[in-house]
Amino acid sequence: MDPFRLQNILNEQLKSFAIKDYCPNGLQVQGRSSIRKIVTGVTANQALIEQAIELNADALLVHHGYFWKGESPVLTHMKGKRIALLMAHQINLLAYHLPLDIHPELGNNVQLAKRLGITLRRGLEPWDKQSVAMVGELDIPLSGEQLAARIGQVLKREPLHIQGHQRLIKKVGICTGGGQSFLTLAAEQGLDAFISGEISEQTTHVAREMGIDYFASGHHASERYGVTALGEWLAEHYNFEVTFVDIDNPA
């Protein structure tokens, strides 16, 4: 398949043109003219590019690509080496950031929630139809320790748990990746807990003082499942050969 046709398919499925983002979504680096084999991954780092080369991939499909707002535009050092490697091997790079976070079926939030036994009900930001953070309910109320254990079992990574209360957890907010800034809003809406990837210094104080449990589950670990689901969707509907490659990242 032509890379621009693949981009159009993904843009339509993820409704990327309707979402304001911090980076371009879609085809970021053009490679060979026909795509059959796709490698998916969280971030287009050099290790993932090298794996795509090893697997003779025609395209790399990721959640974290390049050309972020505020980033230097020069192609030197790390970014220059990455893009040079892609172009030398004619590998197409496609990246989808927020469209992949919020998609109602394939997105990072819904895919992680499904694995944790959380049914999503609404957006956390009631004024925004495309709220990045979501609100849901656990299938069975759990203690903070039990939810931490479930997250660790699912992600194969022990989360950092900041305890804000002693009650059972039922209502949960979720925003994969770097969503800790939503914690105050979650507490104001009376949620029992909030799950994201990262944690900031002030996150601990917000959780303790506003009475909400917080779980930092890892930016990378919490965002493995959206791009995996998207790759599986492409394989099912368009017969691509798709391989997910997980490059370990403790953050």
Protein backbone atom coordinates (compact mmCIF):
# COMPACT_ATOMS: atom_id res chain seq x y z
CA MET A 1 0.00 0.00 0.00
CA ASP A 2 1.11 3.54 -0.77
CA PRO A 3 2.19 5.41 2.43
CA PHE A 4 -0.20 8.28 1.76
CA ARG A 5 -3.12 5.90 1.39
CA LEU A 6 -2.16 4.32 4.72
CA GLN A 7 -1.98 7.80 6.26
CA ASN A 8 -5.48 8.58 4.97
CA ILE A 9 -6.84 5.34 6.44
CA LEU A 10 -5.31 6.08 9.83
CA ASN A 11 -6.39 9.73 9.76
CA GLU A 12 -9.96 8.67 9.09
CA GLN A 13 -9.98 5.98 11.77
CA LEU A 14 -8.39 8.21 14.43
CA LYS A 15 -10.11 11.47 13.36
CA SER A 16 -6.72 13.16 13.66
CA PHE A 17 -7.65 16.35 11.77
CA ALA A 18 -10.23 17.22 14.43
CA ILE A 19 -7.68 17.20 17.27
CA LYS A 20 -5.26 19.98 18.20
CA ASP A 21 -1.92 18.47 19.13
CA TYR A 22 1.69 19.28 20.01
CA CYS A 23 3.10 17.52 16.95
CA PRO A 24 2.10 16.56 13.40
CA ASN A 25 0.00 13.39 13.26
CA GLY A 26 0.38 11.07 10.29
CA LEU A 27 3.30 10.47 7.94
CA GLN A 28 6.37 12.23 9.38
CA VAL A 29 9.14 10.67 7.28
CA GLN A 30 8.47 9.32 3.79
CA GLY A 31 10.15 6.08 2.80
CA ARG A 32 9.56 3.36 0.23
CA SER A 33 6.48 3.62 -1.96
CA SER A 34 4.85 0.33 -1.00
CA ILE A 35 4.07 -0.79 2.55
CA ARG A 36 3.43 -4.41 3.50
CA LYS A 37 5.33 -4.96 6.77
CA ILE A 38 4.78 -2.61 9.70
CA VAL A 39 6.56 -2.44 13.04
CA THR A 40 4.65 -0.74 15.84
CA GLY A 41 6.09 0.69 19.05
CA VAL A 42 5.62 3.41 21.65
CA THR A 43 8.48 5.76 20.72
CA ALA A 44 10.54 6.13 17.54
CA ASN A 45 13.88 5.87 19.32
CA GLN A 46 17.01 4.51 17.66
CA ALA A 47 16.63 1.05 19.18
CA LEU A 48 13.14 0.70 17.70
CA ILE A 49 14.36 1.92 14.30
CA GLU A 50 17.15 -0.66 14.39
CA GLN A 51 14.60 -3.39 15.16
CA ALA A 52 12.47 -2.22 12.23
CA ILE A 53 15.52 -2.49 9.98
CA GLU A 54 16.28 -5.97 11.34
CA LEU A 55 12.69 -7.05 10.60
CA ASN A 56 12.84 -5.48 7.11
CA ALA A 57 9.84 -3.30 7.87
CA ASP A 58 8.42 -0.91 5.30
CA ALA A 59 6.95 1.37 7.94
CA LEU A 60 7.24 2.25 11.61
CA LEU A 61 3.99 3.23 13.38
CA VAL A 62 4.41 4.85 16.79
CA HIS A 63 2.71 6.95 19.47
CA HIS A 64 5.68 9.27 20.05
CA GLY A 65 7.21 10.52 16.82
CA TYR A 66 9.12 13.72 16.05
CA PHE A 67 8.74 17.49 15.42
CA TRP A 68 7.19 18.53 18.74
CA LYS A 69 6.18 22.15 19.33
CA GLY A 70 9.04 24.08 20.90
CA GLU A 71 11.60 21.50 19.76
CA SER A 72 14.64 22.68 17.82
CA PRO A 73 14.04 22.11 14.07
CA VAL A 74 17.66 21.24 13.29
CA LEU A 75 18.47 17.64 12.34
CA THR A 76 21.58 17.14 14.44
CA HIS A 77 22.78 14.75 17.13
CA MET A 78 20.15 12.21 18.25
CA LYS A 79 17.29 13.33 15.98
CA GLY A 80 19.57 13.68 12.98
CA LYS A 81 20.89 10.14 13.44
CA ARG A 82 17.41 8.70 13.82
CA ILE A 83 16.00 10.35 10.71
CA ALA A 84 19.13 9.57 8.69
CA LEU A 85 18.71 5.90 9.62
CA LEU A 86 15.06 5.90 8.57
CA MET A 87 15.84 7.55 5.25
CA ALA A 88 18.86 5.37 4.52
CA HIS A 89 16.66 2.29 4.82
CA GLN A 90 13.60 3.94 3.24
CA ILE A 91 11.37 3.26 6.24
CA ASN A 92 8.18 5.30 6.47
CA LEU A 93 7.49 6.81 9.90
CA LEU A 94 3.88 7.41 10.96
CA ALA A 95 3.05 8.80 14.39
CA TYR A 96 -0.22 9.49 16.23
CA HIS A 97 -0.17 11.22 19.60
CA LEU A 98 -3.41 12.59 21.13
CA PRO A 99 -5.64 10.91 18.50
CA LEU A 100 -4.31 7.59 19.75
CA ASP A 101 -4.75 8.54 23.42
CA ILE A 102 -8.44 9.36 23.16
CA HIS A 103 -9.81 6.99 20.51
CA PRO A 104 -12.90 5.27 22.02
CA GLU A 105 -11.94 1.78 20.84
CA LEU A 106 -8.22 1.66 20.04
CA GLY A 107 -6.94 4.43 22.30
CA ASN A 108 -4.41 4.21 25.10
CA ASN A 109 -6.95 5.17 27.77
CA VAL A 110 -9.63 2.68 26.80
CA GLN A 111 -7.13 -0.13 26.18
CA LEU A 112 -5.49 0.32 29.59
CA ALA A 113 -8.87 0.70 31.32
CA LYS A 114 -10.09 -2.53 29.77
CA ARG A 115 -7.08 -4.41 31.12
CA LEU A 116 -7.57 -2.95 34.60
CA GLY A 117 -11.28 -3.79 34.82
CA ILE A 118 -12.38 -0.15 34.50
CA THR A 119 -15.44 0.80 32.46
CA LEU A 120 -15.06 4.33 31.08
CA ARG A 121 -18.15 6.55 31.45
CA ARG A 122 -17.24 10.10 30.38
CA GLY A 123 -14.52 12.65 29.85
CA LEU A 124 -12.95 14.24 32.90
CA GLU A 125 -13.16 17.66 31.25
CA PRO A 126 -16.94 18.16 30.86
CA TRP A 127 -16.47 21.18 28.59
CA ASP A 128 -14.33 19.24 26.11
CA LYS A 129 -15.85 16.56 23.86
CA GLN A 130 -12.30 15.36 23.21
CA SER A 131 -11.18 15.20 26.82
CA VAL A 132 -7.78 13.54 27.08
CA ALA A 133 -8.50 12.31 30.63
CA MET A 134 -11.43 9.97 31.27
CA VAL A 135 -13.60 8.86 34.19
CA GLY A 136 -14.68 5.30 34.82
CA GLU A 137 -15.63 2.74 37.43
CA LEU A 138 -13.90 -0.37 38.63
CA ASP A 139 -15.77 -3.62 38.10
CA ILE A 140 -15.26 -4.40 41.81
CA PRO A 141 -14.29 -1.78 44.44
CA LEU A 142 -10.69 -2.27 45.57
CA SER A 143 -8.41 -0.94 48.26
CA GLY A 144 -5.50 1.21 47.16
CA GLU A 145 -3.13 -1.67 47.76
CA GLN A 146 -5.28 -4.04 45.70
CA LEU A 147 -5.49 -1.61 42.78
CA ALA A 148 -1.74 -1.05 42.90
CA ALA A 149 -1.24 -4.82 42.77
CA ARG A 150 -3.60 -5.11 39.78
CA ILE A 151 -1.77 -2.35 37.90
CA GLY A 152 1.57 -4.01 38.61
CA GLN A 153 0.29 -7.39 37.42
CA VAL A 154 -1.13 -5.96 34.18
CA LEU A 155 1.80 -3.70 33.30
CA LYS A 156 4.54 -5.95 34.70
CA ARG A 157 5.76 -2.86 36.51
CA GLU A 158 5.10 -1.83 40.12
CA PRO A 159 3.34 1.57 40.17
CA LEU A 160 4.18 4.37 42.57
CA HIS A 161 1.11 4.63 44.80
CA ILE A 162 0.42 7.87 46.67
CA GLN A 163 -2.33 7.21 49.20
CA GLY A 164 -4.83 9.98 49.82
CA HIS A 165 -7.51 8.14 51.81
CA GLN A 166 -8.46 4.80 53.39
CA ARG A 167 -11.78 4.09 51.63
CA LEU A 168 -12.36 1.57 48.84
CA ILE A 169 -11.80 2.79 45.30
CA LYS A 170 -14.70 2.72 42.83
CA LYS A 171 -14.61 5.90 40.70
CA VAL A 172 -11.32 6.21 38.83
CA GLY A 173 -9.85 8.82 36.51
CA ILE A 174 -7.35 7.73 33.88
CA CYS A 175 -4.96 9.48 31.51
CA THR A 176 -2.05 7.48 30.17
CA GLY A 177 1.39 9.05 29.78
CA GLY A 178 1.97 12.45 31.38
CA GLY A 179 -1.48 13.15 32.82
CA GLN A 180 -0.65 14.03 36.42
CA SER A 181 -1.81 17.63 35.94
CA PHE A 182 -5.42 16.36 35.82
CA LEU A 183 -5.27 15.17 39.44
CA THR A 184 -6.73 18.33 40.98
CA LEU A 185 -9.69 18.24 38.60
CA ALA A 186 -10.24 14.56 39.41
CA ALA A 187 -10.24 15.32 43.15
CA GLU A 188 -12.67 18.22 42.67
CA GLN A 189 -15.07 15.82 40.96
CA GLY A 190 -14.97 13.44 43.90
CA LEU A 191 -13.07 10.58 42.27
CA ASP A 192 -11.49 7.99 44.51
CA ALA A 193 -8.31 7.57 42.46
CA PHE A 194 -6.45 8.72 39.37
CA ILE A 195 -4.12 6.63 37.21
CA SER A 196 -1.51 8.09 34.88
CA GLY A 197 2.04 7.42 33.80
CA GLU A 198 4.21 10.09 35.38
CA ILE A 199 4.40 11.95 38.67
CA SER A 200 5.55 15.47 39.58
CA GLU A 201 6.70 16.78 42.95
CA GLN A 202 3.40 18.54 43.59
CA THR A 203 1.35 15.46 42.68
CA THR A 204 2.07 13.91 46.09
CA HIS A 205 0.76 16.96 47.94
CA VAL A 206 -2.39 17.18 45.82
CA ALA A 207 -3.20 13.51 46.45
CA ARG A 208 -2.63 13.66 50.20
CA GLU A 209 -4.29 17.01 50.81
CA MET A 210 -7.28 16.55 48.50
CA GLY A 211 -7.99 12.97 49.54
CA ILE A 212 -7.47 11.06 46.30
CA ASP A 213 -5.21 8.08 45.61
CA TYR A 214 -2.71 8.52 42.76
CA PHE A 215 -0.98 5.78 40.77
CA ALA A 216 2.05 6.60 38.59
CA SER A 217 2.23 3.52 36.40
CA GLY A 218 4.98 4.59 33.98
CA HIS A 219 4.62 6.73 30.86
CA HIS A 220 5.89 4.01 28.53
CA ALA A 221 4.16 1.13 30.28
CA SER A 222 0.77 2.84 30.27
CA GLU A 223 0.96 3.62 26.54
CA ARG A 224 1.92 0.27 25.04
CA TYR A 225 -1.61 -0.84 24.28
CA GLY A 226 -3.04 1.82 21.96
CA VAL A 227 -0.45 1.39 19.23
CA THR A 228 -0.67 -2.39 19.68
CA ALA A 229 -4.44 -2.28 19.15
CA LEU A 230 -4.04 0.02 16.14
CA GLY A 231 -1.55 -2.37 14.57
CA GLU A 232 -3.88 -5.31 15.16
CA TRP A 233 -6.72 -3.35 13.56
CA LEU A 234 -4.60 -2.70 10.46
CA ALA A 235 -3.64 -6.37 10.23
CA GLU A 236 -7.26 -7.49 10.53
CA HIS A 237 -8.83 -5.00 8.13
CA TYR A 238 -6.05 -4.43 5.58
CA ASN A 239 -3.97 -7.60 5.80
CA PHE A 240 -0.70 -5.91 6.79
CA GLU A 241 2.02 -7.95 8.48
CA VAL A 242 2.36 -6.14 11.81
CA THR A 243 4.85 -6.73 14.64
CA PHE A 244 4.81 -4.87 17.95
CA VAL A 245 8.29 -4.28 19.40
CA ASP A 246 8.58 -3.22 23.02
CA ILE A 247 11.75 -1.27 23.79
CA ASP A 248 12.06 -1.33 27.57
CA ASN A 249 11.77 2.04 29.31
CA PRO A 250 11.49 2.27 33.12
CA ALA A 251 10.09 5.83 32.99
